[in-house]
Amino acid sequence: MTDTLSFPDDLLKLQVELHRAHAEHRDFLAGLPWSVEPMQGWARGERFSHRGDVPDSPGWTDEQKERAERMRQELRDLSAAVVDHSYWATVAREDVVAARMLLKKQTRPDGVTPEA
């Protein structure tokens, strides 16, 4: 497989949207309390924690929970749209994984690390 495939415009746009949705979701979660439900924190000596003492978590508000679920649904929908795109039927089976990785690489915004 070559490092220069010609992906359809709609597939490229879907993948760009998927990158955007991942970044927004990651940023949103980073600003939330560490526990979805209210939970008491602990001192480093009580439980293993590489971060030191862990403060109490007030939990997420209902609005935060709803937004997180909407964002997860958007990620599922975009992921399904990319994976189910008709373009993949035109790629040799043994090349699909490499082509998928190339699509992700070609559309990833500068400075954005790959999704886990």
N, C-alpha and C. Protein backbone atom coordinates (compact mmCIF):
# COMPACT_ATOMS: atom_id res chain seq x y z
N MET A 1 0.85 -1.19 0.00
CA MET A 1 0.00 0.00 0.00
C MET A 1 0.89 1.24 0.00
N THR A 2 0.46 2.25 -0.66
CA THR A 2 1.22 3.50 -0.75
C THR A 2 0.83 4.46 0.37
N ASP A 3 1.67 5.45 0.63
CA ASP A 3 1.38 6.45 1.66
C ASP A 3 0.52 7.59 1.14
N THR A 4 0.09 7.50 -0.11
CA THR A 4 -0.76 8.54 -0.68
C THR A 4 -1.98 7.90 -1.33
N LEU A 5 -3.02 7.80 -0.57
CA LEU A 5 -4.30 7.32 -1.10
C LEU A 5 -5.19 8.52 -1.32
N SER A 6 -6.13 8.37 -2.24
CA SER A 6 -7.08 9.44 -2.49
C SER A 6 -8.40 9.06 -1.82
N PHE A 7 -8.63 9.66 -0.66
CA PHE A 7 -9.85 9.38 0.08
C PHE A 7 -10.97 10.29 -0.42
N PRO A 8 -12.21 9.82 -0.43
CA PRO A 8 -13.35 10.66 -0.83
C PRO A 8 -13.50 11.85 0.13
N ASP A 9 -13.95 12.96 -0.40
CA ASP A 9 -14.11 14.18 0.40
C ASP A 9 -15.01 13.97 1.60
N ASP A 10 -16.12 13.23 1.43
CA ASP A 10 -17.04 13.05 2.55
C ASP A 10 -16.40 12.21 3.66
N LEU A 11 -15.56 11.25 3.31
CA LEU A 11 -14.86 10.45 4.32
C LEU A 11 -13.83 11.31 5.05
N LEU A 12 -13.12 12.14 4.32
CA LEU A 12 -12.16 13.05 4.94
C LEU A 12 -12.86 13.98 5.92
N LYS A 13 -14.00 14.52 5.53
CA LYS A 13 -14.76 15.43 6.40
C LYS A 13 -15.25 14.71 7.65
N LEU A 14 -15.72 13.47 7.49
CA LEU A 14 -16.16 12.69 8.65
C LEU A 14 -15.00 12.46 9.62
N GLN A 15 -13.84 12.13 9.10
CA GLN A 15 -12.69 11.87 9.96
C GLN A 15 -12.24 13.14 10.66
N VAL A 16 -12.27 14.27 9.97
CA VAL A 16 -11.92 15.54 10.61
C VAL A 16 -12.91 15.83 11.74
N GLU A 17 -14.18 15.60 11.50
CA GLU A 17 -15.19 15.79 12.54
C GLU A 17 -14.96 14.86 13.72
N LEU A 18 -14.53 13.64 13.44
CA LEU A 18 -14.24 12.69 14.52
C LEU A 18 -13.06 13.17 15.35
N HIS A 19 -12.01 13.68 14.72
CA HIS A 19 -10.89 14.27 15.46
C HIS A 19 -11.37 15.41 16.34
N ARG A 20 -12.20 16.30 15.77
CA ARG A 20 -12.72 17.44 16.52
C ARG A 20 -13.53 16.97 17.73
N ALA A 21 -14.41 16.00 17.52
CA ALA A 21 -15.26 15.50 18.60
C ALA A 21 -14.42 14.86 19.70
N HIS A 22 -13.39 14.11 19.33
CA HIS A 22 -12.49 13.52 20.33
C HIS A 22 -11.82 14.61 21.16
N ALA A 23 -11.32 15.64 20.50
CA ALA A 23 -10.63 16.73 21.21
C ALA A 23 -11.59 17.46 22.16
N GLU A 24 -12.79 17.76 21.69
CA GLU A 24 -13.77 18.45 22.53
C GLU A 24 -14.16 17.60 23.74
N HIS A 25 -14.36 16.31 23.51
CA HIS A 25 -14.73 15.39 24.58
C HIS A 25 -13.61 15.30 25.62
N ARG A 26 -12.38 15.15 25.15
CA ARG A 26 -11.22 15.06 26.03
C ARG A 26 -11.09 16.34 26.88
N ASP A 27 -11.25 17.51 26.24
CA ASP A 27 -11.15 18.78 26.96
C ASP A 27 -12.29 18.94 27.98
N PHE A 28 -13.48 18.54 27.60
CA PHE A 28 -14.62 18.63 28.51
C PHE A 28 -14.40 17.76 29.73
N LEU A 29 -13.99 16.52 29.53
CA LEU A 29 -13.78 15.61 30.65
C LEU A 29 -12.65 16.08 31.56
N ALA A 30 -11.63 16.70 30.99
CA ALA A 30 -10.50 17.18 31.78
C ALA A 30 -10.91 18.25 32.78
N GLY A 31 -11.99 18.97 32.51
CA GLY A 31 -12.45 20.03 33.40
C GLY A 31 -13.46 19.58 34.44
N LEU A 32 -13.81 18.30 34.44
CA LEU A 32 -14.82 17.79 35.37
C LEU A 32 -14.18 17.20 36.62
N PRO A 33 -14.96 17.09 37.70
CA PRO A 33 -14.45 16.39 38.89
C PRO A 33 -14.04 14.96 38.54
N TRP A 34 -13.15 14.37 39.33
CA TRP A 34 -12.60 13.06 39.00
C TRP A 34 -13.60 11.92 39.12
N SER A 35 -14.69 12.11 39.85
CA SER A 35 -15.69 11.07 40.00
C SER A 35 -17.04 11.57 39.50
N VAL A 36 -17.76 10.73 38.77
CA VAL A 36 -19.08 11.12 38.27
C VAL A 36 -20.03 11.34 39.43
N GLU A 37 -20.00 10.45 40.40
CA GLU A 37 -20.85 10.56 41.59
C GLU A 37 -20.03 11.15 42.72
N PRO A 38 -20.69 11.86 43.66
CA PRO A 38 -19.94 12.40 44.79
C PRO A 38 -19.19 11.28 45.51
N MET A 39 -17.91 11.54 45.80
CA MET A 39 -17.10 10.52 46.45
C MET A 39 -16.06 11.19 47.34
N GLN A 40 -15.83 10.57 48.47
CA GLN A 40 -14.85 11.09 49.40
C GLN A 40 -13.45 10.83 48.86
N GLY A 41 -12.59 11.78 49.04
CA GLY A 41 -11.20 11.63 48.63
C GLY A 41 -10.43 10.81 49.65
N TRP A 42 -9.10 10.76 49.49
CA TRP A 42 -8.27 10.03 50.42
C TRP A 42 -6.85 10.59 50.41
N ALA A 43 -6.17 10.29 51.50
CA ALA A 43 -4.77 10.69 51.60
C ALA A 43 -3.92 9.62 50.93
N ARG A 44 -2.78 10.00 50.44
CA ARG A 44 -1.92 9.09 49.69
C ARG A 44 -1.62 7.80 50.46
N GLY A 45 -1.43 7.88 51.73
CA GLY A 45 -1.09 6.69 52.51
C GLY A 45 -2.24 5.70 52.68
N GLU A 46 -3.49 6.15 52.48
CA GLU A 46 -4.65 5.27 52.66
C GLU A 46 -4.85 4.33 51.49
N ARG A 47 -4.60 4.78 50.30
CA ARG A 47 -4.75 4.00 49.07
C ARG A 47 -3.63 4.40 48.14
N PHE A 48 -3.33 3.55 47.18
CA PHE A 48 -2.31 3.90 46.21
C PHE A 48 -2.81 5.06 45.36
N SER A 49 -1.98 6.06 45.20
CA SER A 49 -2.29 7.17 44.32
C SER A 49 -0.99 7.79 43.85
N HIS A 50 -0.78 7.78 42.56
CA HIS A 50 0.42 8.39 42.00
C HIS A 50 0.35 9.91 42.03
N ARG A 51 -0.82 10.46 42.35
CA ARG A 51 -0.99 11.91 42.37
C ARG A 51 -0.87 12.50 43.77
N GLY A 52 -0.67 11.68 44.76
CA GLY A 52 -0.66 12.20 46.13
C GLY A 52 -2.06 12.16 46.70
N ASP A 53 -2.36 13.10 47.57
CA ASP A 53 -3.70 13.16 48.16
C ASP A 53 -4.74 13.42 47.08
N VAL A 54 -5.89 12.79 47.25
CA VAL A 54 -6.99 12.97 46.30
C VAL A 54 -8.13 13.67 47.04
N PRO A 55 -8.53 14.85 46.57
CA PRO A 55 -9.58 15.60 47.27
C PRO A 55 -10.96 14.96 47.05
N ASP A 56 -11.90 15.37 47.88
CA ASP A 56 -13.29 14.93 47.68
C ASP A 56 -13.76 15.36 46.30
N SER A 57 -14.64 14.56 45.71
CA SER A 57 -15.23 14.91 44.42
C SER A 57 -16.71 15.22 44.63
N PRO A 58 -17.15 16.39 44.19
CA PRO A 58 -18.57 16.72 44.33
C PRO A 58 -19.44 15.95 43.35
N GLY A 59 -18.82 15.26 42.41
CA GLY A 59 -19.59 14.56 41.38
C GLY A 59 -19.96 15.51 40.25
N TRP A 60 -20.56 14.96 39.23
CA TRP A 60 -20.98 15.75 38.07
C TRP A 60 -22.42 16.20 38.26
N THR A 61 -22.74 17.36 37.70
CA THR A 61 -24.12 17.82 37.71
C THR A 61 -24.90 17.02 36.66
N ASP A 62 -26.21 17.10 36.73
CA ASP A 62 -27.04 16.43 35.72
C ASP A 62 -26.74 16.97 34.33
N GLU A 63 -26.51 18.27 34.23
CA GLU A 63 -26.19 18.87 32.94
C GLU A 63 -24.86 18.33 32.40
N GLN A 64 -23.87 18.19 33.27
CA GLN A 64 -22.58 17.64 32.84
C GLN A 64 -22.72 16.19 32.38
N LYS A 65 -23.51 15.42 33.09
CA LYS A 65 -23.74 14.02 32.71
C LYS A 65 -24.43 13.94 31.35
N GLU A 66 -25.43 14.79 31.15
CA GLU A 66 -26.15 14.80 29.87
C GLU A 66 -25.25 15.23 28.73
N ARG A 67 -24.43 16.24 28.96
CA ARG A 67 -23.52 16.70 27.91
C ARG A 67 -22.49 15.62 27.58
N ALA A 68 -21.95 14.98 28.60
CA ALA A 68 -20.98 13.90 28.37
C ALA A 68 -21.62 12.78 27.54
N GLU A 69 -22.86 12.45 27.83
CA GLU A 69 -23.54 11.38 27.08
C GLU A 69 -23.79 11.81 25.64
N ARG A 70 -24.20 13.06 25.42
CA ARG A 70 -24.38 13.56 24.06
C ARG A 70 -23.07 13.51 23.28
N MET A 71 -21.99 13.87 23.94
CA MET A 71 -20.68 13.85 23.28
C MET A 71 -20.27 12.41 22.95
N ARG A 72 -20.51 11.48 23.87
CA ARG A 72 -20.19 10.06 23.59
C ARG A 72 -21.03 9.54 22.43
N GLN A 73 -22.29 9.94 22.37
CA GLN A 73 -23.15 9.51 21.26
C GLN A 73 -22.64 10.07 19.94
N GLU A 74 -22.21 11.33 19.94
CA GLU A 74 -21.65 11.91 18.72
C GLU A 74 -20.40 11.14 18.29
N LEU A 75 -19.56 10.77 19.24
CA LEU A 75 -18.36 9.98 18.92
C LEU A 75 -18.74 8.63 18.33
N ARG A 76 -19.74 7.97 18.90
CA ARG A 76 -20.19 6.67 18.36
C ARG A 76 -20.73 6.83 16.95
N ASP A 77 -21.54 7.85 16.73
CA ASP A 77 -22.14 8.07 15.42
C ASP A 77 -21.08 8.37 14.37
N LEU A 78 -20.13 9.25 14.70
CA LEU A 78 -19.07 9.58 13.75
C LEU A 78 -18.17 8.38 13.48
N SER A 79 -17.85 7.64 14.53
CA SER A 79 -17.01 6.45 14.35
C SER A 79 -17.69 5.44 13.44
N ALA A 80 -18.98 5.23 13.65
CA ALA A 80 -19.72 4.29 12.80
C ALA A 80 -19.77 4.78 11.36
N ALA A 81 -19.96 6.07 11.18
CA ALA A 81 -20.01 6.62 9.82
C ALA A 81 -18.68 6.44 9.09
N VAL A 82 -17.57 6.63 9.79
CA VAL A 82 -16.25 6.43 9.17
C VAL A 82 -16.03 4.96 8.85
N VAL A 83 -16.27 4.10 9.81
CA VAL A 83 -16.01 2.66 9.64
C VAL A 83 -16.93 2.05 8.59
N ASP A 84 -18.16 2.49 8.51
CA ASP A 84 -19.13 1.91 7.58
C ASP A 84 -19.14 2.58 6.21
N HIS A 85 -18.25 3.54 5.98
CA HIS A 85 -18.22 4.25 4.71
C HIS A 85 -17.98 3.27 3.56
N SER A 86 -18.64 3.49 2.46
CA SER A 86 -18.53 2.59 1.31
C SER A 86 -17.12 2.53 0.72
N TYR A 87 -16.30 3.52 0.99
CA TYR A 87 -14.93 3.54 0.46
C TYR A 87 -14.16 2.28 0.87
N TRP A 88 -14.37 1.81 2.10
CA TRP A 88 -13.57 0.69 2.61
C TRP A 88 -13.78 -0.59 1.81
N ALA A 89 -14.90 -0.72 1.12
CA ALA A 89 -15.14 -1.89 0.28
C ALA A 89 -14.24 -1.89 -0.96
N THR A 90 -13.66 -0.74 -1.28
CA THR A 90 -12.79 -0.64 -2.45
C THR A 90 -11.32 -0.88 -2.11
N VAL A 91 -11.00 -1.02 -0.84
CA VAL A 91 -9.63 -1.23 -0.39
C VAL A 91 -9.40 -2.72 -0.16
N ALA A 92 -8.27 -3.22 -0.64
CA ALA A 92 -7.95 -4.64 -0.42
C ALA A 92 -7.96 -4.93 1.07
N ARG A 93 -8.52 -6.05 1.44
CA ARG A 93 -8.70 -6.40 2.84
C ARG A 93 -7.40 -6.28 3.64
N GLU A 94 -6.30 -6.72 3.06
CA GLU A 94 -5.03 -6.68 3.78
C GLU A 94 -4.49 -5.26 3.94
N ASP A 95 -5.08 -4.29 3.25
CA ASP A 95 -4.63 -2.90 3.32
C ASP A 95 -5.54 -1.99 4.13
N VAL A 96 -6.65 -2.51 4.62
CA VAL A 96 -7.63 -1.66 5.30
C VAL A 96 -7.06 -0.99 6.54
N VAL A 97 -6.36 -1.74 7.38
CA VAL A 97 -5.83 -1.15 8.61
C VAL A 97 -4.84 -0.04 8.28
N ALA A 98 -3.93 -0.30 7.36
CA ALA A 98 -2.94 0.72 6.98
C ALA A 98 -3.64 1.94 6.36
N ALA A 99 -4.67 1.72 5.57
CA ALA A 99 -5.40 2.83 4.96
C ALA A 99 -6.14 3.63 6.02
N ARG A 100 -6.70 2.94 6.99
CA ARG A 100 -7.41 3.63 8.09
C ARG A 100 -6.44 4.50 8.87
N MET A 101 -5.27 3.98 9.16
CA MET A 101 -4.26 4.76 9.89
C MET A 101 -3.80 5.96 9.06
N LEU A 102 -3.66 5.76 7.77
CA LEU A 102 -3.27 6.86 6.89
C LEU A 102 -4.34 7.95 6.87
N LEU A 103 -5.60 7.56 6.81
CA LEU A 103 -6.69 8.53 6.87
C LEU A 103 -6.61 9.35 8.15
N LYS A 104 -6.41 8.68 9.27
CA LYS A 104 -6.32 9.38 10.55
C LYS A 104 -5.13 10.34 10.55
N LYS A 105 -4.00 9.88 10.02
CA LYS A 105 -2.79 10.71 9.99
C LYS A 105 -2.98 11.93 9.09
N GLN A 106 -3.58 11.73 7.92
CA GLN A 106 -3.75 12.82 6.96
C GLN A 106 -4.72 13.89 7.46
N THR A 107 -5.63 13.52 8.31
CA THR A 107 -6.68 14.47 8.75
C THR A 107 -6.45 15.01 10.13
N ARG A 108 -5.46 14.48 10.84
CA ARG A 108 -5.22 14.92 12.23
C ARG A 108 -4.70 16.36 12.22
N PRO A 109 -5.32 17.21 13.02
CA PRO A 109 -4.84 18.60 13.11
C PRO A 109 -3.42 18.62 13.67
N ASP A 110 -2.64 19.61 13.27
CA ASP A 110 -1.28 19.76 13.79
C ASP A 110 -1.31 19.88 15.31
N GLY A 111 -0.38 19.20 15.95
CA GLY A 111 -0.25 19.30 17.40
C GLY A 111 -1.21 18.42 18.18
N VAL A 112 -2.06 17.66 17.50
CA VAL A 112 -3.00 16.80 18.20
C VAL A 112 -2.41 15.40 18.26
N THR A 113 -2.40 14.84 19.47
CA THR A 113 -1.88 13.48 19.63
C THR A 113 -2.96 12.48 19.28
N PRO A 114 -2.56 11.29 18.84
CA PRO A 114 -3.56 10.27 18.46
C PRO A 114 -4.45 9.88 19.63
N GLU A 115 -5.67 9.48 19.30
CA GLU A 115 -6.59 8.97 20.32
C GLU A 115 -6.08 7.62 20.77
N ALA A 116 -6.37 7.32 22.01
CA ALA A 116 -5.95 6.01 22.54
C ALA A 116 -6.78 4.91 21.95
